[in-house]
Amino acid sequence: KPVKAGGEERAIAVLAAGLGAAAALTAGLARGPAVGLAVASGAGLSLLNFSWLARGAHALLPDRGATAGRGGALVRFVARFGLLAGAVCAIVISHLLPVMPLILGLFAVPAATIGVGLRLLGTRV
């Protein structure tokens, strides 16, 4: 069946939020609240990165947005790496949260992207 254009990004975001919440809840119940919070933080950073990436990519496309703002969009597109890397480094250096669950949470958007991609291919997961 035909897929509505642009609906994939929303489907990925919703699925990633669900996967992140489920993983955080499961980890929190199994390993304690700090681990659950670390997974949730990683998933949140992953979703934030995805949102910024989508917004920046749309601003760079010729059929979207004004051409005058493309230079600023490119700077924001690249700057997101520094901001997110800084956040992860601050969490890791301060020992605020456990590192491995934080990294696990960062996989929420990639896992959701695979799930939505398989759905679009007609494969049942």
PDB file of N, CA and C in Angstrom:
ATOM      1  N   LYS A   1       0.839  -1.178   0.000  1.00  0.00           N
ATOM      2  CA  LYS A   1       0.000   0.000   0.000  1.00  0.00           C
ATOM      3  C   LYS A   1       0.883   1.240   0.000  1.00  0.00           C
ATOM      4  N   PRO A   2       0.419   2.334  -0.593  1.00  0.00           N
ATOM      5  CA  PRO A   2       1.257   3.526  -0.689  1.00  0.00           C
ATOM      6  C   PRO A   2       1.511   4.151   0.683  1.00  0.00           C
ATOM      7  N   VAL A   3       2.696   4.725   0.829  1.00  0.00           N
ATOM      8  CA  VAL A   3       3.096   5.347   2.083  1.00  0.00           C
ATOM      9  C   VAL A   3       3.024   6.851   1.922  1.00  0.00           C
ATOM     10  N   LYS A   4       2.436   7.523   2.892  1.00  0.00           N
ATOM     11  CA  LYS A   4       2.342   8.978   2.866  1.00  0.00           C
ATOM     12  C   LYS A   4       3.745   9.566   2.996  1.00  0.00           C
ATOM     13  N   ALA A   5       4.107  10.464   2.083  1.00  0.00           N
ATOM     14  CA  ALA A   5       5.427  11.077   2.113  1.00  0.00           C
ATOM     15  C   ALA A   5       5.600  11.882   3.392  1.00  0.00           C
ATOM     16  N   GLY A   6       6.737  11.721   4.044  1.00  0.00           N
ATOM     17  CA  GLY A   6       7.013  12.445   5.272  1.00  0.00           C
ATOM     18  C   GLY A   6       6.536  11.735   6.522  1.00  0.00           C
ATOM     19  N   GLY A   7       5.706  10.756   6.375  1.00  0.00           N
ATOM     20  CA  GLY A   7       5.196  10.028   7.530  1.00  0.00           C
ATOM     21  C   GLY A   7       6.238   9.127   8.167  1.00  0.00           C
ATOM     22  N   GLU A   8       7.288   8.819   7.408  1.00  0.00           N
ATOM     23  CA  GLU A   8       8.319   7.926   7.931  1.00  0.00           C
ATOM     24  C   GLU A   8       9.052   8.556   9.111  1.00  0.00           C
ATOM     25  N   GLU A   9       9.348   9.852   9.018  1.00  0.00           N
ATOM     26  CA  GLU A   9      10.061  10.519  10.110  1.00  0.00           C
ATOM     27  C   GLU A   9       9.244  10.473  11.398  1.00  0.00           C
ATOM     28  N   ARG A  10       7.963  10.740  11.280  1.00  0.00           N
ATOM     29  CA  ARG A  10       7.099  10.706  12.471  1.00  0.00           C
ATOM     30  C   ARG A  10       7.007   9.276  13.019  1.00  0.00           C
ATOM     31  N   ALA A  11       6.890   8.294  12.124  1.00  0.00           N
ATOM     32  CA  ALA A  11       6.819   6.900  12.567  1.00  0.00           C
ATOM     33  C   ALA A  11       8.099   6.496  13.288  1.00  0.00           C
ATOM     34  N   ILE A  12       9.241   6.925  12.780  1.00  0.00           N
ATOM     35  CA  ILE A  12      10.518   6.617  13.428  1.00  0.00           C
ATOM     36  C   ILE A  12      10.578   7.267  14.810  1.00  0.00           C
ATOM     37  N   ALA A  13      10.171   8.530  14.899  1.00  0.00           N
ATOM     38  CA  ALA A  13      10.219   9.242  16.182  1.00  0.00           C
ATOM     39  C   ALA A  13       9.301   8.589  17.214  1.00  0.00           C
ATOM     40  N   VAL A  14       8.096   8.228  16.801  1.00  0.00           N
ATOM     41  CA  VAL A  14       7.150   7.612  17.732  1.00  0.00           C
ATOM     42  C   VAL A  14       7.646   6.237  18.175  1.00  0.00           C
ATOM     43  N   LEU A  15       8.121   5.434  17.223  1.00  0.00           N
ATOM     44  CA  LEU A  15       8.631   4.107  17.566  1.00  0.00           C
ATOM     45  C   LEU A  15       9.869   4.208  18.450  1.00  0.00           C
ATOM     46  N   ALA A  16      10.756   5.150  18.155  1.00  0.00           N
ATOM     47  CA  ALA A  16      11.965   5.323  18.967  1.00  0.00           C
ATOM     48  C   ALA A  16      11.605   5.731  20.394  1.00  0.00           C
ATOM     49  N   ALA A  17      10.630   6.614  20.531  1.00  0.00           N
ATOM     50  CA  ALA A  17      10.195   7.021  21.875  1.00  0.00           C
ATOM     51  C   ALA A  17       9.619   5.823  22.632  1.00  0.00           C
ATOM     52  N   GLY A  18       8.841   5.016  21.942  1.00  0.00           N
ATOM     53  CA  GLY A  18       8.277   3.825  22.574  1.00  0.00           C
ATOM     54  C   GLY A  18       9.341   2.812  22.957  1.00  0.00           C
ATOM     55  N   LEU A  19      10.276   2.576  22.041  1.00  0.00           N
ATOM     56  CA  LEU A  19      11.363   1.636  22.338  1.00  0.00           C
ATOM     57  C   LEU A  19      12.216   2.144  23.492  1.00  0.00           C
ATOM     58  N   GLY A  20      12.528   3.436  23.480  1.00  0.00           N
ATOM     59  CA  GLY A  20      13.337   4.015  24.549  1.00  0.00           C
ATOM     60  C   GLY A  20      12.644   3.918  25.895  1.00  0.00           C
ATOM     61  N   ALA A  21      11.343   4.213  25.918  1.00  0.00           N
ATOM     62  CA  ALA A  21      10.585   4.144  27.170  1.00  0.00           C
ATOM     63  C   ALA A  21      10.504   2.706  27.679  1.00  0.00           C
ATOM     64  N   ALA A  22      10.236   1.766  26.773  1.00  0.00           N
ATOM     65  CA  ALA A  22      10.145   0.358  27.174  1.00  0.00           C
ATOM     66  C   ALA A  22      11.492  -0.153  27.680  1.00  0.00           C
ATOM     67  N   ALA A  23      12.566   0.202  26.977  1.00  0.00           N
ATOM     68  CA  ALA A  23      13.900  -0.236  27.399  1.00  0.00           C
ATOM     69  C   ALA A  23      14.280   0.392  28.735  1.00  0.00           C
ATOM     70  N   ALA A  24      13.953   1.672  28.921  1.00  0.00           N
ATOM     71  CA  ALA A  24      14.286   2.354  30.171  1.00  0.00           C
ATOM     72  C   ALA A  24      13.509   1.751  31.339  1.00  0.00           C
ATOM     73  N   LEU A  25      12.245   1.482  31.122  1.00  0.00           N
ATOM     74  CA  LEU A  25      11.424   0.882  32.180  1.00  0.00           C
ATOM     75  C   LEU A  25      11.929  -0.511  32.536  1.00  0.00           C
ATOM     76  N   THR A  26      12.207  -1.301  31.521  1.00  0.00           N
ATOM     77  CA  THR A  26      12.709  -2.657  31.757  1.00  0.00           C
ATOM     78  C   THR A  26      14.054  -2.624  32.483  1.00  0.00           C
ATOM     79  N   ALA A  27      14.962  -1.772  32.013  1.00  0.00           N
ATOM     80  CA  ALA A  27      16.286  -1.674  32.638  1.00  0.00           C
ATOM     81  C   ALA A  27      16.175  -1.143  34.058  1.00  0.00           C
ATOM     82  N   GLY A  28      15.288  -0.182  34.257  1.00  0.00           N
ATOM     83  CA  GLY A  28      15.109   0.373  35.593  1.00  0.00           C
ATOM     84  C   GLY A  28      14.581  -0.643  36.582  1.00  0.00           C
ATOM     85  N   LEU A  29      13.640  -1.456  36.134  1.00  0.00           N
ATOM     86  CA  LEU A  29      13.083  -2.488  37.015  1.00  0.00           C
ATOM     87  C   LEU A  29      14.086  -3.611  37.272  1.00  0.00           C
ATOM     88  N   ALA A  30      14.874  -3.954  36.239  1.00  0.00           N
ATOM     89  CA  ALA A  30      15.809  -5.074  36.370  1.00  0.00           C
ATOM     90  C   ALA A  30      17.112  -4.687  37.064  1.00  0.00           C
ATOM     91  N   ARG A  31      17.607  -3.473  36.795  1.00  0.00           N
ATOM     92  CA  ARG A  31      18.939  -3.096  37.276  1.00  0.00           C
ATOM     93  C   ARG A  31      18.980  -1.866  38.174  1.00  0.00           C
ATOM     94  N   GLY A  32      17.851  -1.229  38.377  1.00  0.00           N
ATOM     95  CA  GLY A  32      17.821  -0.072  39.260  1.00  0.00           C
ATOM     96  C   GLY A  32      17.532   1.221  38.521  1.00  0.00           C
ATOM     97  N   PRO A  33      17.127   2.251  39.260  1.00  0.00           N
ATOM     98  CA  PRO A  33      16.705   3.503  38.640  1.00  0.00           C
ATOM     99  C   PRO A  33      17.812   4.234  37.876  1.00  0.00           C
ATOM    100  N   ALA A  34      19.065   4.131  38.327  1.00  0.00           N
ATOM    101  CA  ALA A  34      20.156   4.815  37.627  1.00  0.00           C
ATOM    102  C   ALA A  34      20.340   4.246  36.222  1.00  0.00           C
ATOM    103  N   VAL A  35      20.223   2.942  36.091  1.00  0.00           N
ATOM    104  CA  VAL A  35      20.366   2.300  34.779  1.00  0.00           C
ATOM    105  C   VAL A  35      19.187   2.683  33.884  1.00  0.00           C
ATOM    106  N   GLY A  36      17.982   2.677  34.443  1.00  0.00           N
ATOM    107  CA  GLY A  36      16.813   3.087  33.672  1.00  0.00           C
ATOM    108  C   GLY A  36      16.920   4.533  33.207  1.00  0.00           C
ATOM    109  N   LEU A  37      17.411   5.411  34.084  1.00  0.00           N
ATOM    110  CA  LEU A  37      17.581   6.808  33.722  1.00  0.00           C
ATOM    111  C   LEU A  37      18.652   6.980  32.653  1.00  0.00           C
ATOM    112  N   ALA A  38      19.707   6.163  32.719  1.00  0.00           N
ATOM    113  CA  ALA A  38      20.765   6.221  31.710  1.00  0.00           C
ATOM    114  C   ALA A  38      20.223   5.814  30.343  1.00  0.00           C
ATOM    115  N   VAL A  39      19.440   4.747  30.287  1.00  0.00           N
ATOM    116  CA  VAL A  39      18.845   4.316  29.018  1.00  0.00           C
ATOM    117  C   VAL A  39      17.903   5.396  28.481  1.00  0.00           C
ATOM    118  N   ALA A  40      17.089   5.955  29.368  1.00  0.00           N
ATOM    119  CA  ALA A  40      16.161   7.015  28.954  1.00  0.00           C
ATOM    120  C   ALA A  40      16.918   8.243  28.458  1.00  0.00           C
ATOM    121  N   SER A  41      18.017   8.584  29.108  1.00  0.00           N
ATOM    122  CA  SER A  41      18.825   9.732  28.671  1.00  0.00           C
ATOM    123  C   SER A  41      19.430   9.487  27.296  1.00  0.00           C
ATOM    124  N   GLY A  42      19.945   8.294  27.074  1.00  0.00           N
ATOM    125  CA  GLY A  42      20.502   7.956  25.768  1.00  0.00           C
ATOM    126  C   GLY A  42      19.444   8.009  24.680  1.00  0.00           C
ATOM    127  N   ALA A  43      18.266   7.477  24.973  1.00  0.00           N
ATOM    128  CA  ALA A  43      17.171   7.511  23.998  1.00  0.00           C
ATOM    129  C   ALA A  43      16.723   8.946  23.736  1.00  0.00           C
ATOM    130  N   GLY A  44      16.683   9.763  24.782  1.00  0.00           N
ATOM    131  CA  GLY A  44      16.315  11.167  24.606  1.00  0.00           C
ATOM    132  C   GLY A  44      17.317  11.919  23.751  1.00  0.00           C
ATOM    133  N   LEU A  45      18.604  11.686  23.994  1.00  0.00           N
ATOM    134  CA  LEU A  45      19.629  12.319  23.162  1.00  0.00           C
ATOM    135  C   LEU A  45      19.540  11.837  21.714  1.00  0.00           C
ATOM    136  N   SER A  46      19.241  10.567  21.540  1.00  0.00           N
ATOM    137  CA  SER A  46      19.083  10.015  20.203  1.00  0.00           C
ATOM    138  C   SER A  46      17.913  10.671  19.470  1.00  0.00           C
ATOM    139  N   LEU A  47      16.795  10.853  20.172  1.00  0.00           N
ATOM    140  CA  LEU A  47      15.634  11.521  19.573  1.00  0.00           C
ATOM    141  C   LEU A  47      15.909  12.989  19.285  1.00  0.00           C
ATOM    142  N   LEU A  48      16.627  13.657  20.173  1.00  0.00           N
ATOM    143  CA  LEU A  48      16.987  15.054  19.952  1.00  0.00           C
ATOM    144  C   LEU A  48      17.865  15.180  18.718  1.00  0.00           C
ATOM    145  N   ASN A  49      18.836  14.300  18.590  1.00  0.00           N
ATOM    146  CA  ASN A  49      19.707  14.299  17.419  1.00  0.00           C
ATOM    147  C   ASN A  49      18.902  14.061  16.146  1.00  0.00           C
ATOM    148  N   PHE A  50      17.983  13.117  16.188  1.00  0.00           N
ATOM    149  CA  PHE A  50      17.147  12.812  15.018  1.00  0.00           C
ATOM    150  C   PHE A  50      16.305  14.019  14.614  1.00  0.00           C
ATOM    151  N   SER A  51      15.738  14.688  15.614  1.00  0.00           N
ATOM    152  CA  SER A  51      14.920  15.868  15.339  1.00  0.00           C
ATOM    153  C   SER A  51      15.750  16.972  14.694  1.00  0.00           C
ATOM    154  N   TRP A  52      16.922  17.236  15.258  1.00  0.00           N
ATOM    155  CA  TRP A  52      17.793  18.269  14.690  1.00  0.00           C
ATOM    156  C   TRP A  52      18.278  17.878  13.304  1.00  0.00           C
ATOM    157  N   LEU A  53      18.599  16.612  13.118  1.00  0.00           N
ATOM    158  CA  LEU A  53      19.043  16.132  11.812  1.00  0.00           C
ATOM    159  C   LEU A  53      17.955  16.322  10.766  1.00  0.00           C
ATOM    160  N   ALA A  54      16.728  15.949  11.097  1.00  0.00           N
ATOM    161  CA  ALA A  54      15.621  16.086  10.146  1.00  0.00           C
ATOM    162  C   ALA A  54      15.371  17.551   9.813  1.00  0.00           C
ATOM    163  N   ARG A  55      15.359  18.404  10.836  1.00  0.00           N
ATOM    164  CA  ARG A  55      15.131  19.830  10.601  1.00  0.00           C
ATOM    165  C   ARG A  55      16.229  20.433   9.726  1.00  0.00           C
ATOM    166  N   GLY A  56      17.473  20.077  10.022  1.00  0.00           N
ATOM    167  CA  GLY A  56      18.596  20.591   9.234  1.00  0.00           C
ATOM    168  C   GLY A  56      18.581  20.077   7.811  1.00  0.00           C
ATOM    169  N   ALA A  57      18.247  18.814   7.639  1.00  0.00           N
ATOM    170  CA  ALA A  57      18.199  18.250   6.289  1.00  0.00           C
ATOM    171  C   ALA A  57      17.093  18.893   5.470  1.00  0.00           C
ATOM    172  N   HIS A  58      15.949  19.139   6.090  1.00  0.00           N
ATOM    173  CA  HIS A  58      14.853  19.795   5.366  1.00  0.00           C
ATOM    174  C   HIS A  58      15.220  21.217   4.965  1.00  0.00           C
ATOM    175  N   ALA A  59      15.960  21.902   5.819  1.00  0.00           N
ATOM    176  CA  ALA A  59      16.358  23.275   5.504  1.00  0.00           C
ATOM    177  C   ALA A  59      17.362  23.316   4.358  1.00  0.00           C
ATOM    178  N   LEU A  60      18.118  22.248   4.174  1.00  0.00           N
ATOM    179  CA  LEU A  60      19.115  22.206   3.108  1.00  0.00           C
ATOM    180  C   LEU A  60      18.540  21.768   1.767  1.00  0.00           C
ATOM    181  N   LEU A  61      17.368  21.173   1.765  1.00  0.00           N
ATOM    182  CA  LEU A  61      16.766  20.708   0.515  1.00  0.00           C
ATOM    183  C   LEU A  61      16.280  21.891  -0.315  1.00  0.00           C
ATOM    184  N   PRO A  62      16.439  21.824  -1.635  1.00  0.00           N
ATOM    185  CA  PRO A  62      16.059  22.954  -2.486  1.00  0.00           C
ATOM    186  C   PRO A  62      14.557  23.251  -2.485  1.00  0.00           C
ATOM    187  N   ASP A  63      13.720  22.261  -2.312  1.00  0.00           N
ATOM    188  CA  ASP A  63      12.274  22.495  -2.372  1.00  0.00           C
ATOM    189  C   ASP A  63      11.674  22.840  -1.013  1.00  0.00           C
ATOM    190  N   ARG A  64      12.498  22.990   0.012  1.00  0.00           N
ATOM    191  CA  ARG A  64      12.009  23.328   1.353  1.00  0.00           C
ATOM    192  C   ARG A  64      12.740  24.553   1.862  1.00  0.00           C
ATOM    193  N   GLY A  65      12.027  25.431   2.512  1.00  0.00           N
ATOM    194  CA  GLY A  65      12.661  26.573   3.170  1.00  0.00           C
ATOM    195  C   GLY A  65      13.233  27.587   2.206  1.00  0.00           C
ATOM    196  N   ALA A  66      13.645  28.694   2.743  1.00  0.00           N
ATOM    197  CA  ALA A  66      14.224  29.764   1.940  1.00  0.00           C
ATOM    198  C   ALA A  66      15.706  29.508   1.724  1.00  0.00           C
ATOM    199  N   THR A  67      16.212  29.919   0.572  1.00  0.00           N
ATOM    200  CA  THR A  67      17.626  29.700   0.270  1.00  0.00           C
ATOM    201  C   THR A  67      18.521  30.616   1.090  1.00  0.00           C
ATOM    202  N   ALA A  68      18.005  31.733   1.583  1.00  0.00           N
ATOM    203  CA  ALA A  68      18.828  32.674   2.347  1.00  0.00           C
ATOM    204  C   ALA A  68      19.299  32.070   3.669  1.00  0.00           C
ATOM    205  N   GLY A  69      18.534  31.171   4.251  1.00  0.00           N
ATOM    206  CA  GLY A  69      18.884  30.602   5.543  1.00  0.00           C
ATOM    207  C   GLY A  69      19.697  29.331   5.465  1.00  0.00           C
ATOM    208  N   ARG A  70      20.165  28.946   4.291  1.00  0.00           N
ATOM    209  CA  ARG A  70      20.863  27.664   4.147  1.00  0.00           C
ATOM    210  C   ARG A  70      22.231  27.650   4.818  1.00  0.00           C
ATOM    211  N   GLY A  71      22.931  28.774   4.832  1.00  0.00           N
ATOM    212  CA  GLY A  71      24.245  28.814   5.492  1.00  0.00           C
ATOM    213  C   GLY A  71      24.109  28.550   6.979  1.00  0.00           C
ATOM    214  N   GLY A  72      23.150  29.206   7.608  1.00  0.00           N
ATOM    215  CA  GLY A  72      22.903  28.989   9.035  1.00  0.00           C
ATOM    216  C   GLY A  72      22.441  27.578   9.314  1.00  0.00           C
ATOM    217  N   ALA A  73      21.643  27.028   8.398  1.00  0.00           N
ATOM    218  CA  ALA A  73      21.162  25.661   8.567  1.00  0.00           C
ATOM    219  C   ALA A  73      22.325  24.682   8.512  1.00  0.00           C
ATOM    220  N   LEU A  74      23.288  24.946   7.653  1.00  0.00           N
ATOM    221  CA  LEU A  74      24.447  24.065   7.544  1.00  0.00           C
ATOM    222  C   LEU A  74      25.284  24.123   8.817  1.00  0.00           C
ATOM    223  N   VAL A  75      25.448  25.314   9.378  1.00  0.00           N
ATOM    224  CA  VAL A  75      26.196  25.459  10.630  1.00  0.00           C
ATOM    225  C   VAL A  75      25.482  24.705  11.753  1.00  0.00           C
ATOM    226  N   ARG A  76      24.170  24.859  11.866  1.00  0.00           N
ATOM    227  CA  ARG A  76      23.406  24.149  12.896  1.00  0.00           C
ATOM    228  C   ARG A  76      23.459  22.635  12.670  1.00  0.00           C
ATOM    229  N   PHE A  77      23.431  22.229  11.393  1.00  0.00           N
ATOM    230  CA  PHE A  77      23.486  20.819  11.033  1.00  0.00           C
ATOM    231  C   PHE A  77      24.768  20.184  11.573  1.00  0.00           C
ATOM    232  N   VAL A  78      25.894  20.891  11.447  1.00  0.00           N
ATOM    233  CA  VAL A  78      27.181  20.369  11.903  1.00  0.00           C
ATOM    234  C   VAL A  78      27.351  20.571  13.410  1.00  0.00           C
ATOM    235  N   ALA A  79      26.851  21.692  13.942  1.00  0.00           N
ATOM    236  CA  ALA A  79      27.028  22.003  15.363  1.00  0.00           C
ATOM    237  C   ALA A  79      26.318  21.010  16.275  1.00  0.00           C
ATOM    238  N   ARG A  80      25.311  20.330  15.769  1.00  0.00           N
ATOM    239  CA  ARG A  80      24.590  19.387  16.613  1.00  0.00           C
ATOM    240  C   ARG A  80      25.497  18.276  17.112  1.00  0.00           C
ATOM    241  N   PHE A  81      26.507  17.912  16.312  1.00  0.00           N
ATOM    242  CA  PHE A  81      27.451  16.881  16.761  1.00  0.00           C
ATOM    243  C   PHE A  81      28.206  17.344  18.004  1.00  0.00           C
ATOM    244  N   GLY A  82      28.672  18.572  17.983  1.00  0.00           N
ATOM    245  CA  GLY A  82      29.407  19.101  19.132  1.00  0.00           C
ATOM    246  C   GLY A  82      28.554  19.189  20.376  1.00  0.00           C
ATOM    247  N   LEU A  83      27.319  19.641  20.222  1.00  0.00           N
ATOM    248  CA  LEU A  83      26.421  19.753  21.373  1.00  0.00           C
ATOM    249  C   LEU A  83      26.103  18.393  21.977  1.00  0.00           C
ATOM    250  N   LEU A  84      25.778  17.431  21.134  1.00  0.00           N
ATOM    251  CA  LEU A  84      25.443  16.105  21.645  1.00  0.00           C
ATOM    252  C   LEU A  84      26.669  15.389  22.208  1.00  0.00           C
ATOM    253  N   ALA A  85      27.809  15.541  21.546  1.00  0.00           N
ATOM    254  CA  ALA A  85      29.040  14.930  22.066  1.00  0.00           C
ATOM    255  C   ALA A  85      29.405  15.550  23.408  1.00  0.00           C
ATOM    256  N   GLY A  86      29.213  16.853  23.536  1.00  0.00           N
ATOM    257  CA  GLY A  86      29.482  17.521  24.805  1.00  0.00           C
ATOM    258  C   GLY A  86      28.582  17.003  25.919  1.00  0.00           C
ATOM    259  N   ALA A  87      27.315  16.797  25.612  1.00  0.00           N
ATOM    260  CA  ALA A  87      26.376  16.280  26.615  1.00  0.00           C
ATOM    261  C   ALA A  87      26.781  14.873  27.057  1.00  0.00           C
ATOM    262  N   VAL A  88      27.105  14.018  26.101  1.00  0.00           N
ATOM    263  CA  VAL A  88      27.505  12.647  26.440  1.00  0.00           C
ATOM    264  C   VAL A  88      28.807  12.664  27.242  1.00  0.00           C
ATOM    265  N   CYS A  89      29.779  13.483  26.820  1.00  0.00           N
ATOM    266  CA  CYS A  89      31.054  13.561  27.555  1.00  0.00           C
ATOM    267  C   CYS A  89      30.842  14.057  28.983  1.00  0.00           C
ATOM    268  N   ALA A  90      29.985  15.053  29.157  1.00  0.00           N
ATOM    269  CA  ALA A  90      29.717  15.578  30.503  1.00  0.00           C
ATOM    270  C   ALA A  90      29.114  14.498  31.396  1.00  0.00           C
ATOM    271  N   ILE A  91      28.195  13.711  30.836  1.00  0.00           N
ATOM    272  CA  ILE A  91      27.580  12.636  31.619  1.00  0.00           C
ATOM    273  C   ILE A  91      28.609  11.570  31.970  1.00  0.00           C
ATOM    274  N   VAL A  92      29.462  11.215  31.006  1.00  0.00           N
ATOM    275  CA  VAL A  92      30.455  10.163  31.224  1.00  0.00           C
ATOM    276  C   VAL A  92      31.537  10.628  32.203  1.00  0.00           C
ATOM    277  N   ILE A  93      32.070  11.833  32.006  1.00  0.00           N
ATOM    278  CA  ILE A  93      33.159  12.336  32.856  1.00  0.00           C
ATOM    279  C   ILE A  93      32.688  12.547  34.289  1.00  0.00           C
ATOM    280  N   SER A  94      31.463  13.027  34.453  1.00  0.00           N
ATOM    281  CA  SER A  94      30.958  13.303  35.801  1.00  0.00           C
ATOM    282  C   SER A  94      30.493  12.039  36.525  1.00  0.00           C
ATOM    283  N   HIS A  95      30.467  10.920  35.828  1.00  0.00           N
ATOM    284  CA  HIS A  95      29.968   9.660  36.387  1.00  0.00           C
ATOM    285  C   HIS A  95      28.535   9.817  36.904  1.00  0.00           C
ATOM    286  N   LEU A  96      27.802  10.689  36.237  1.00  0.00           N
ATOM    287  CA  LEU A  96      26.420  10.953  36.630  1.00  0.00           C
ATOM    288  C   LEU A  96      25.541   9.729  36.406  1.00  0.00           C
ATOM    289  N   LEU A  97      25.784   9.036  35.282  1.00  0.00           N
ATOM    290  CA  LEU A  97      25.006   7.847  34.928  1.00  0.00           C
ATOM    291  C   LEU A  97      25.948   6.761  34.426  1.00  0.00           C
ATOM    292  N   PRO A  98      25.538   5.503  34.499  1.00  0.00           N
ATOM    293  CA  PRO A  98      26.365   4.425  33.938  1.00  0.00           C
ATOM    294  C   PRO A  98      26.488   4.559  32.416  1.00  0.00           C
ATOM    295  N   VAL A  99      27.683   4.294  31.909  1.00  0.00           N
ATOM    296  CA  VAL A  99      27.990   4.543  30.497  1.00  0.00           C
ATOM    297  C   VAL A  99      27.307   3.557  29.556  1.00  0.00           C
ATOM    298  N   MET A 100      27.403   2.272  29.826  1.00  0.00           N
ATOM    299  CA  MET A 100      26.869   1.281  28.880  1.00  0.00           C
ATOM    300  C   MET A 100      25.359   1.415  28.670  1.00  0.00           C
ATOM    301  N   PRO A 101      24.554   1.612  29.702  1.00  0.00           N
ATOM    302  CA  PRO A 101      23.124   1.819  29.453  1.00  0.00           C
ATOM    303  C   PRO A 101      22.844   3.104  28.667  1.00  0.00           C
ATOM    304  N   LEU A 102      23.677   4.142  28.901  1.00  0.00           N
ATOM    305  CA  LEU A 102      23.532   5.376  28.126  1.00  0.00           C
ATOM    306  C   LEU A 102      23.767   5.097  26.643  1.00  0.00           C
ATOM    307  N   ILE A 103      24.813   4.349  26.353  1.00  0.00           N
ATOM    308  CA  ILE A 103      25.117   3.995  24.958  1.00  0.00           C
ATOM    309  C   ILE A 103      24.004   3.132  24.383  1.00  0.00           C
ATOM    310  N   LEU A 104      23.479   2.214  25.159  1.00  0.00           N
ATOM    311  CA  LEU A 104      22.364   1.374  24.709  1.00  0.00           C
ATOM    312  C   LEU A 104      21.171   2.235  24.308  1.00  0.00           C
ATOM    313  N   GLY A 105      20.871   3.250  25.107  1.00  0.00           N
ATOM    314  CA  GLY A 105      19.760   4.144  24.787  1.00  0.00           C
ATOM    315  C   GLY A 105      19.952   4.912  23.491  1.00  0.00           C
ATOM    316  N   LEU A 106      21.202   5.173  23.118  1.00  0.00           N
ATOM    317  CA  LEU A 106      21.471   5.887  21.869  1.00  0.00           C
ATOM    318  C   LEU A 106      21.028   5.093  20.637  1.00  0.00           C
ATOM    319  N   PHE A 107      20.784   3.808  20.806  1.00  0.00           N
ATOM    320  CA  PHE A 107      20.365   2.969  19.680  1.00  0.00           C
ATOM    321  C   PHE A 107      18.854   2.975  19.445  1.00  0.00           C
ATOM    322  N   ALA A 108      18.103   3.805  20.161  1.00  0.00           N
ATOM    323  CA  ALA A 108      16.647   3.831  20.004  1.00  0.00           C
ATOM    324  C   ALA A 108      16.238   4.251  18.595  1.00  0.00           C
ATOM    325  N   VAL A 109      16.814   5.323  18.081  1.00  0.00           N
ATOM    326  CA  VAL A 109      16.439   5.790  16.736  1.00  0.00           C
ATOM    327  C   VAL A 109      16.929   4.832  15.655  1.00  0.00           C
ATOM    328  N   PRO A 110      18.186   4.346  15.702  1.00  0.00           N
ATOM    329  CA  PRO A 110      18.567   3.365  14.676  1.00  0.00           C
ATOM    330  C   PRO A 110      17.684   2.117  14.676  1.00  0.00           C
ATOM    331  N   ALA A 111      17.317   1.616  15.857  1.00  0.00           N
ATOM    332  CA  ALA A 111      16.437   0.441  15.917  1.00  0.00           C
ATOM    333  C   ALA A 111      15.071   0.763  15.330  1.00  0.00           C
ATOM    334  N   ALA A 112      14.547   1.944  15.640  1.00  0.00           N
ATOM    335  CA  ALA A 112      13.249   2.347  15.095  1.00  0.00           C
ATOM    336  C   ALA A 112      13.322   2.529  13.583  1.00  0.00           C
ATOM    337  N   THR A 113      14.434   3.056  13.101  1.00  0.00           N
ATOM    338  CA  THR A 113      14.610   3.242  11.654  1.00  0.00           C
ATOM    339  C   THR A 113      14.599   1.899  10.938  1.00  0.00           C
ATOM    340  N   ILE A 114      15.268   0.917  11.511  1.00  0.00           N
ATOM    341  CA  ILE A 114      15.250  -0.426  10.922  1.00  0.00           C
ATOM    342  C   ILE A 114      13.836  -0.988  10.934  1.00  0.00           C
ATOM    343  N   GLY A 115      13.129  -0.828  12.043  1.00  0.00           N
ATOM    344  CA  GLY A 115      11.759  -1.331  12.140  1.00  0.00           C
ATOM    345  C   GLY A 115      10.834  -0.698  11.116  1.00  0.00           C
ATOM    346  N   VAL A 116      10.907   0.622  10.971  1.00  0.00           N
ATOM    347  CA  VAL A 116      10.060   1.313   9.988  1.00  0.00           C
ATOM    348  C   VAL A 116      10.468   0.929   8.576  1.00  0.00           C
ATOM    349  N   GLY A 117      11.774   0.797   8.339  1.00  0.00           N
ATOM    350  CA  GLY A 117      12.240   0.385   7.009  1.00  0.00           C
ATOM    351  C   GLY A 117      11.741  -0.998   6.628  1.00  0.00           C
ATOM    352  N   LEU A 118      11.771  -1.920   7.577  1.00  0.00           N
ATOM    353  CA  LEU A 118      11.259  -3.264   7.302  1.00  0.00           C
ATOM    354  C   LEU A 118       9.754  -3.246   7.045  1.00  0.00           C
ATOM    355  N   ARG A 119       9.055  -2.397   7.788  1.00  0.00           N
ATOM    356  CA  ARG A 119       7.608  -2.274   7.567  1.00  0.00           C
ATOM    357  C   ARG A 119       7.334  -1.742   6.158  1.00  0.00           C
ATOM    358  N   LEU A 120       8.139  -0.768   5.729  1.00  0.00           N
ATOM    359  CA  LEU A 120       7.955  -0.197   4.398  1.00  0.00           C
ATOM    360  C   LEU A 120       8.255  -1.231   3.304  1.00  0.00           C
ATOM    361  N   LEU A 121       9.153  -2.133   3.607  1.00  0.00           N
ATOM    362  CA  LEU A 121       9.469  -3.201   2.645  1.00  0.00           C
ATOM    363  C   LEU A 121       8.420  -4.305   2.635  1.00  0.00           C
ATOM    364  N   GLY A 122       7.504  -4.243   3.597  1.00  0.00           N
ATOM    365  CA  GLY A 122       6.452  -5.244   3.656  1.00  0.00           C
ATOM    366  C   GLY A 122       6.828  -6.459   4.478  1.00  0.00           C
ATOM    367  N   THR A 123       7.936  -6.384   5.198  1.00  0.00           N
ATOM    368  CA  THR A 123       8.366  -7.487   6.032  1.00  0.00           C
ATOM    369  C   THR A 123       7.776  -7.323   7.418  1.00  0.00           C
ATOM    370  N   ARG A 124       7.261  -8.385   7.962  1.00  0.00           N
ATOM    371  CA  ARG A 124       6.724  -8.327   9.326  1.00  0.00           C
ATOM    372  C   ARG A 124       7.841  -8.597  10.320  1.00  0.00           C
ATOM    373  N   VAL A 125       7.930  -7.775  11.351  1.00  0.00           N
ATOM    374  CA  VAL A 125       8.948  -7.923  12.368  1.00  0.00           C
ATOM    375  C   VAL A 125       8.380  -8.663  13.553  1.00  0.00           C
TER     376      VAL A 125
END
